[in-house]
Each structure stands twice: as structure tokens, then as C-alpha cells.
Amino acid sequence: MTTAFFSHDDCMKHDMGPEHPESPARLAAIISYIADTGIAEKLDWVRPEEITRDQLLSVHPESYLQQLDMMQPTRGRVFTDPDTAMMPDTLRAARLSAGANIQAVDMVMSSQVTNAFICARPPGHHAERTKSMGFCFYNNIALAAMRALNFHHLDRVAIIDFDVHQGNGTVDIVSGDERILMCSTFQHPLFPYSHVHRQADNIVNIPIEAGCSSAEYRKQVEAGWIKRLNAFKPQVILISAGFDAHRLDPMAEVNLETEDYRWLTEMMAGVANEHSNDRIISTLEGGYHLKALAESVNAHLEVLSSVY
């Protein structure tokens, strides 16, 4: 069995401007680095297809999808919020990114591959059911969860979100759904400044203070996640893999190292081995220091690709 690596050149055509941190260079940096380390040769490369309208409707209402369609410009850029811009190629990239998540679930659930990593953009975890924000348009990880639950008829899906910014969109969508356990860490206070204290029983929030060290982070994660995950016994683990809690990242003030992402992946692989038949689907969210991002993704992939 192998690790599927989903990527598509058209995900690089979405470009919110030369100074925008969520840039096409993020994917280029990852792909170049994993080629240099040799990990790319161990992966099963998959070119994703666009998500269908019906699949999008499992999370987002038609009125919201129509709103995005109407806003997409034929030239130039249109901002949906102060940080998030659309251009002519945006929704094509977003549909590919979301589609990769659907395909990854299908391939993992049908045992074509052991696990999967989606190296695509735009990201998704800030997209709420009816609102684009934080560089996100469709909520990729929520779409993956609904695919696992509704199409593959699973009973229990875990979502792990270790992006430094809270996945407010995912919380908005899955809060109260007892089929899903969502565990997240995020710097607080920090964007998006919401959904921190509004917790349903299926949401495990671990707010992290600025300046948090690796040792303290690991201690809080072990205490907050492991018991809940083992009690829940997820049948698949979905990861919103944001690498922007790295100490070099310009978007936050948490002091994780590359090896912390290896540790996080090993911990999730252990839970997946115990309960989920090693099934993990991980999708790229944040990470804006290109070297730190590429190194952290490489560490993440080294763990995923060593699981057999």
C-alpha cells in the first residue's frame, strides 16, 4: 500500500497578488523540496478532478455556491473579505482542491492506497457553511468528512486541525454532529477570533498562548486529544494540516519545530493504526514560511509513507 499525493498545476493559477502570503509559491516549494529529498518517489501521485456540484451541496447551500459563481471576475481580482480574493482561475482551483479531498477519501476507503496527502490550494478550514474567509472558499475537510459519512457510510470520523489559526469554518459546519469528533490546536487570541468558547460536545479546542514551546505544546495535545480519540474510535482520521505554528512562520507566534510535525503525524498514525486501519487523509491548510513549510510537509510525508 502507498501514500497518495494529490496535486494539480491549475491550483497554482489562483493568485491573490504578489504580496499575499497564500501564494502559488507554497505548492512549488513543497513539490521542489520533496523531489530533492527523494520522498516524492515513494508517493503515488494523483492528478485530481473537480468536485461536483452535488458533492459541494453536502456542505454548502446552493445560494452560497451561486454567490461565489456570480462574484468570480472574468479579469482582475474581487475581494470577498479584506484577506481573500477571487480571480478568473480561483473557483477552478478551489473545485480541484475540494475534489482532491473527495477522491482521497474514495481511494483510502476502497484500499487503493493506505493514506493520502492533498497538496492543493486554496485551503478550506476557514470557509463556513455560507461564508468565504481567511483565504478559503469551500471547506475541503468538511466535504471529506461528509463523503466518508454519507457515501461510505462510516459512523465515526475524526478531524484533527493543527493549523495555528482555528478552523472556524469546520467548527461552524460540524458542531453538534455526533458522528464527528474535531480536535484542534490554535494560537489564541488570533484570527479568526471566533468559535473558541462556543463548544459542542464533539469539539475539542486547545487554545495555545503566543510563545508556546514544543514541550508545552506536546503536553497539551497529549492531555487534550488522546483520551477523547481513543474513546471515540474513529474509522478514519482527516487532518487539516496547517504548518504555520512553526517558529519561523510570519503569521503567528508559536514556537513549533519541524520535528513537532513529525511527532504529531506519528501520534495520529498511532491512533489510526489502533482504530482506523491506518486510514488518514491529510489536506494542506496554512504554512507561509516557504522553507519551514516544505520541511514540515516532508516530515509529515515521511511518516505517512512509512505506514504499511
Protein backbone atom coordinates (compact mmCIF):
# COMPACT_ATOMS: atom_id res chain seq x y z
CA MET A 1 0.00 0.00 0.00
CA THR A 2 1.10 3.55 -0.62
CA THR A 3 0.56 7.21 0.19
CA ALA A 4 -1.35 9.12 -2.47
CA PHE A 5 -0.12 12.65 -3.18
CA PHE A 6 -2.75 14.85 -4.83
CA SER A 7 -1.67 17.94 -6.73
CA HIS A 8 -2.64 19.86 -9.85
CA ASP A 9 -0.87 22.64 -11.73
CA ASP A 10 -4.10 24.62 -12.01
CA CYS A 11 -4.12 25.09 -8.23
CA MET A 12 -1.16 27.42 -8.78
CA LYS A 13 -3.14 29.66 -11.16
CA HIS A 14 -5.17 31.06 -8.26
CA ASP A 15 -3.09 34.14 -7.36
CA MET A 16 -4.29 36.75 -4.87
CA GLY A 17 -1.42 39.13 -5.58
CA PRO A 18 2.37 39.39 -5.29
CA GLU A 19 2.35 40.31 -1.59
CA HIS A 20 -0.26 37.80 -0.49
CA PRO A 21 1.07 35.08 1.83
CA GLU A 22 -1.24 32.36 0.44
CA SER A 23 0.63 32.20 -2.85
CA PRO A 24 1.28 29.66 -5.62
CA ALA A 25 4.88 29.52 -4.38
CA ARG A 26 3.70 27.45 -1.42
CA LEU A 27 2.92 24.44 -3.61
CA ALA A 28 6.04 24.95 -5.73
CA ALA A 29 8.23 25.00 -2.61
CA ILE A 30 6.75 21.75 -1.30
CA ILE A 31 6.99 19.88 -4.60
CA SER A 32 10.56 21.03 -5.22
CA TYR A 33 11.69 20.09 -1.71
CA ILE A 34 10.18 16.61 -1.66
CA ALA A 35 11.78 15.95 -5.05
CA ASP A 36 15.18 16.90 -3.59
CA THR A 37 14.74 14.68 -0.51
CA GLY A 38 13.57 11.73 -2.57
CA ILE A 39 10.32 11.23 -0.67
CA ALA A 40 8.42 12.12 -3.87
CA GLU A 41 9.50 8.81 -5.40
CA LYS A 42 7.72 6.87 -2.63
CA LEU A 43 4.37 8.55 -3.30
CA ASP A 44 1.52 7.64 -5.63
CA TRP A 45 0.97 10.92 -7.50
CA VAL A 46 -2.66 11.64 -8.37
CA ARG A 47 -3.98 14.46 -10.56
CA PRO A 48 -7.38 15.33 -9.04
CA GLU A 49 -10.62 16.12 -10.80
CA GLU A 50 -13.00 18.94 -9.88
CA ILE A 51 -15.58 18.34 -7.20
CA THR A 52 -19.14 18.08 -8.50
CA ARG A 53 -21.96 20.45 -7.62
CA ASP A 54 -23.84 17.71 -5.78
CA GLN A 55 -20.78 16.94 -3.68
CA LEU A 56 -20.39 20.63 -2.75
CA LEU A 57 -24.04 20.68 -1.70
CA SER A 58 -23.27 18.16 1.05
CA VAL A 59 -21.75 21.10 2.97
CA HIS A 60 -22.60 24.40 1.24
CA PRO A 61 -26.11 25.53 0.19
CA GLU A 62 -26.88 26.36 -3.43
CA SER A 63 -27.37 30.04 -2.58
CA TYR A 64 -23.76 30.29 -1.37
CA LEU A 65 -22.40 28.43 -4.40
CA GLN A 66 -24.32 30.77 -6.69
CA GLN A 67 -22.96 33.77 -4.81
CA LEU A 68 -19.38 32.62 -5.43
CA ASP A 69 -20.13 31.90 -9.09
CA MET A 70 -21.53 35.40 -9.56
CA MET A 71 -18.60 37.07 -7.78
CA GLN A 72 -15.84 35.39 -9.78
CA PRO A 73 -14.45 38.01 -12.18
CA THR A 74 -13.55 37.46 -15.80
CA ARG A 75 -10.45 39.62 -15.26
CA GLY A 76 -8.70 41.26 -12.34
CA ARG A 77 -9.48 40.47 -8.71
CA VAL A 78 -12.53 40.75 -6.49
CA PHE A 79 -12.18 40.55 -2.69
CA THR A 80 -14.70 38.51 -0.73
CA ASP A 81 -13.19 39.82 2.52
CA PRO A 82 -10.12 42.00 3.25
CA ASP A 83 -7.81 38.95 3.05
CA THR A 84 -9.45 36.77 0.41
CA ALA A 85 -9.51 37.49 -3.31
CA MET A 86 -11.06 35.81 -6.33
CA MET A 87 -9.69 35.93 -9.87
CA PRO A 88 -10.72 34.15 -13.08
CA ASP A 89 -8.94 30.92 -12.11
CA THR A 90 -9.98 30.84 -8.45
CA LEU A 91 -13.02 28.59 -8.46
CA ARG A 92 -11.39 26.10 -10.83
CA ALA A 93 -8.54 25.78 -8.30
CA ALA A 94 -10.99 25.57 -5.40
CA ARG A 95 -13.01 22.85 -7.10
CA LEU A 96 -9.80 20.87 -7.76
CA SER A 97 -8.67 21.27 -4.16
CA ALA A 98 -12.05 20.13 -2.88
CA GLY A 99 -12.25 17.37 -5.46
CA ALA A 100 -8.88 16.03 -4.36
CA ASN A 101 -10.31 15.58 -0.87
CA ILE A 102 -13.26 13.61 -2.21
CA GLN A 103 -11.02 11.41 -4.35
CA ALA A 104 -8.63 10.85 -1.46
CA VAL A 105 -11.44 9.60 0.75
CA ASP A 106 -12.63 7.28 -2.02
CA MET A 107 -9.15 5.88 -2.66
CA VAL A 108 -8.37 5.34 1.01
CA MET A 109 -11.77 3.83 1.80
CA SER A 110 -11.51 1.43 -1.16
CA SER A 111 -7.98 0.40 -0.04
CA GLN A 112 -6.34 1.60 -3.24
CA VAL A 113 -3.89 3.49 -1.02
CA THR A 114 -3.09 3.43 2.70
CA ASN A 115 -3.37 7.17 3.24
CA ALA A 116 -3.26 10.44 1.33
CA PHE A 117 -1.92 13.99 1.36
CA ILE A 118 -3.59 16.76 -0.64
CA CYS A 119 -1.05 19.34 -1.78
CA ALA A 120 -3.53 21.79 -3.24
CA ARG A 121 -4.88 25.27 -2.73
CA PRO A 122 -6.88 27.32 -1.91
CA PRO A 123 -7.18 25.89 1.62
CA GLY A 124 -10.55 25.33 3.26
CA HIS A 125 -10.88 25.29 7.03
CA HIS A 126 -11.95 28.94 7.45
CA ALA A 127 -14.81 28.59 4.94
CA GLU A 128 -18.06 28.44 6.87
CA ARG A 129 -21.24 26.92 5.51
CA THR A 130 -22.32 30.21 3.87
CA LYS A 131 -19.22 32.41 4.11
CA SER A 132 -15.80 32.56 2.45
CA MET A 133 -12.97 33.98 4.55
CA GLY A 134 -9.36 33.50 5.59
CA PHE A 135 -8.16 32.57 2.06
CA CYS A 136 -10.84 29.81 1.88
CA PHE A 137 -13.89 29.28 -0.35
CA TYR A 138 -15.03 25.64 0.06
CA ASN A 139 -14.44 23.73 3.28
CA ASN A 140 -12.34 20.85 2.00
CA ILE A 141 -12.04 18.88 5.22
CA ALA A 142 -15.78 19.09 5.97
CA LEU A 143 -16.51 17.91 2.43
CA ALA A 144 -14.17 14.96 3.00
CA ALA A 145 -15.95 14.16 6.27
CA MET A 146 -19.37 14.17 4.62
CA ARG A 147 -18.07 11.95 1.84
CA ALA A 148 -16.84 9.43 4.40
CA LEU A 149 -20.08 9.55 6.37
CA ASN A 150 -22.73 9.80 3.67
CA PHE A 151 -21.18 7.92 0.73
CA HIS A 152 -19.02 5.36 2.53
CA HIS A 153 -21.48 5.04 5.42
CA LEU A 154 -18.99 5.38 8.24
CA ASP A 155 -20.27 6.05 11.74
CA ARG A 156 -17.29 7.88 13.27
CA VAL A 157 -14.91 10.35 11.62
CA ALA A 158 -12.19 12.30 13.44
CA ILE A 159 -10.97 15.69 12.22
CA ILE A 160 -7.59 16.87 13.51
CA ASP A 161 -6.74 20.53 12.87
CA PHE A 162 -3.27 21.67 13.94
CA ASP A 163 -3.20 24.89 11.92
CA VAL A 164 -2.16 27.86 14.07
CA HIS A 165 -5.44 29.59 13.16
CA GLN A 166 -8.62 27.97 14.40
CA GLY A 167 -10.70 26.18 11.78
CA ASN A 168 -13.79 28.26 12.45
CA GLY A 169 -15.43 27.12 9.25
CA THR A 170 -15.10 23.47 10.14
CA VAL A 171 -16.48 24.14 13.63
CA ASP A 172 -19.40 26.04 12.08
CA ILE A 173 -20.22 23.06 9.86
CA VAL A 174 -19.63 20.03 12.11
CA SER A 175 -20.50 21.41 15.55
CA GLY A 176 -23.06 19.13 17.19
CA ASP A 177 -22.67 16.31 14.65
CA GLU A 178 -22.06 13.33 16.93
CA ARG A 179 -20.61 11.32 14.05
CA ILE A 180 -17.60 13.67 14.01
CA LEU A 181 -15.02 14.38 16.70
CA MET A 182 -13.00 17.52 15.91
CA CYS A 183 -9.78 18.12 17.84
CA SER A 184 -7.86 21.32 17.21
CA THR A 185 -5.00 23.44 18.50
CA PHE A 186 -4.61 27.10 17.62
CA GLN A 187 -2.99 30.25 18.91
CA HIS A 188 -5.39 32.36 20.96
CA PRO A 189 -6.12 35.20 20.68
CA LEU A 190 -5.51 35.26 16.92
CA PHE A 191 -7.52 35.31 13.69
CA PRO A 192 -10.35 34.36 13.25
CA TYR A 193 -11.24 35.35 16.85
CA SER A 194 -14.35 33.16 16.86
CA HIS A 195 -15.72 29.74 17.81
CA VAL A 196 -13.24 29.41 20.68
CA HIS A 197 -15.69 29.12 23.56
CA ARG A 198 -18.79 28.02 21.65
CA GLN A 199 -18.14 24.34 22.05
CA ALA A 200 -20.45 21.45 21.32
CA ASP A 201 -19.55 18.12 22.91
CA ASN A 202 -17.89 16.93 19.70
CA ILE A 203 -15.45 19.87 19.54
CA VAL A 204 -12.16 19.66 21.48
CA ASN A 205 -10.48 23.08 21.41
CA ILE A 206 -6.98 23.60 22.78
CA PRO A 207 -6.15 27.32 22.65
CA ILE A 208 -2.38 27.90 22.67
CA GLU A 209 -0.71 31.03 24.03
CA ALA A 210 1.76 33.03 21.94
CA GLY A 211 5.31 31.90 22.64
CA CYS A 212 4.26 28.31 23.41
CA SER A 213 7.23 25.92 23.33
CA SER A 214 7.40 22.50 21.71
CA ALA A 215 7.39 20.76 25.09
CA GLU A 216 4.34 22.64 26.35
CA TYR A 217 2.50 22.13 23.06
CA ARG A 218 3.09 18.38 23.12
CA LYS A 219 1.95 18.17 26.73
CA GLN A 220 -1.31 19.95 25.98
CA VAL A 221 -2.04 17.89 22.87
CA GLU A 222 -1.44 14.58 24.62
CA ALA A 223 -3.64 15.59 27.54
CA GLY A 224 -6.42 17.04 25.37
CA TRP A 225 -6.69 14.68 22.41
CA ILE A 226 -5.57 11.13 23.03
CA LYS A 227 -8.17 10.01 25.56
CA ARG A 228 -11.02 11.51 23.53
CA LEU A 229 -9.79 9.98 20.28
CA ASN A 230 -9.34 6.52 21.77
CA ALA A 231 -12.80 6.65 23.36
CA PHE A 232 -14.31 7.80 20.05
CA LYS A 233 -12.59 5.05 17.99
CA PRO A 234 -12.58 6.89 14.63
CA GLN A 235 -12.94 4.80 11.50
CA VAL A 236 -10.93 7.35 9.52
CA ILE A 237 -8.81 10.35 10.51
CA LEU A 238 -8.94 13.56 8.49
CA ILE A 239 -6.22 16.17 9.09
CA SER A 240 -6.39 19.88 8.41
CA ALA A 241 -2.62 20.15 8.11
CA GLY A 242 -1.58 23.74 8.67
CA PHE A 243 2.14 24.20 9.28
CA ASP A 244 2.02 27.84 10.38
CA ALA A 245 2.65 27.19 14.09
CA HIS A 246 6.31 26.75 13.09
CA ARG A 247 8.60 29.20 14.89
CA LEU A 248 9.73 30.72 11.57
CA ASP A 249 6.22 31.37 10.27
CA PRO A 250 5.39 35.09 9.95
CA MET A 251 1.66 34.67 10.62
CA ALA A 252 1.75 33.70 14.32
CA GLU A 253 3.88 33.43 17.45
CA VAL A 254 4.01 29.73 18.34
CA ASN A 255 7.43 28.06 18.52
CA LEU A 256 6.99 24.63 16.99
CA GLU A 257 9.83 22.96 15.13
CA THR A 258 9.73 20.73 12.07
CA GLU A 259 10.12 17.68 14.32
CA ASP A 260 6.91 18.61 16.14
CA TYR A 261 5.01 17.99 12.91
CA ARG A 262 6.69 14.60 12.63
CA TRP A 263 5.61 13.89 16.22
CA LEU A 264 2.03 14.99 15.53
CA THR A 265 1.86 12.76 12.45
CA GLU A 266 3.30 9.79 14.34
CA MET A 267 0.73 10.28 17.09
CA MET A 268 -2.16 10.38 14.60
CA ALA A 269 -0.72 7.38 12.75
CA GLY A 270 -0.75 5.51 16.06
CA VAL A 271 -4.42 6.30 16.63
CA ALA A 272 -5.21 5.34 13.03
CA ASN A 273 -3.37 2.07 13.43
CA GLU A 274 -5.34 1.29 16.58
CA HIS A 275 -8.80 2.21 15.35
CA SER A 276 -8.89 3.19 11.66
CA ASN A 277 -6.99 0.52 9.73
CA ASP A 278 -4.27 3.17 9.15
CA ARG A 279 -6.72 5.34 7.19
CA ILE A 280 -5.60 9.01 7.17
CA ILE A 281 -6.44 11.78 4.70
CA SER A 282 -4.43 14.96 5.27
CA THR A 283 -5.06 18.22 3.43
CA LEU A 284 -2.85 21.30 3.28
CA GLU A 285 -4.12 24.37 5.10
CA GLY A 286 -1.68 27.09 6.25
CA GLY A 287 2.09 27.50 6.32
CA TYR A 288 3.68 30.66 4.95
CA HIS A 289 7.44 30.45 5.54
CA LEU A 290 8.34 28.53 2.41
CA LYS A 291 11.38 26.65 3.75
CA ALA A 292 9.71 25.76 7.05
CA LEU A 293 6.56 24.71 5.20
CA ALA A 294 8.42 22.45 2.79
CA GLU A 295 10.49 20.84 5.55
CA SER A 296 7.43 20.26 7.74
CA VAL A 297 5.39 18.73 4.93
CA ASN A 298 8.35 16.49 4.10
CA ALA A 299 8.46 15.26 7.71
CA HIS A 300 4.68 14.70 7.61
CA LEU A 301 5.01 12.68 4.40
CA GLU A 302 7.93 10.64 5.71
CA VAL A 303 5.67 9.32 8.48
CA LEU A 304 2.64 8.78 6.27
CA SER A 305 4.64 6.95 3.60
CA SER A 306 6.26 4.64 6.16
CA VAL A 307 2.88 3.26 7.33
CA TYR A 308 2.19 -0.16 5.82
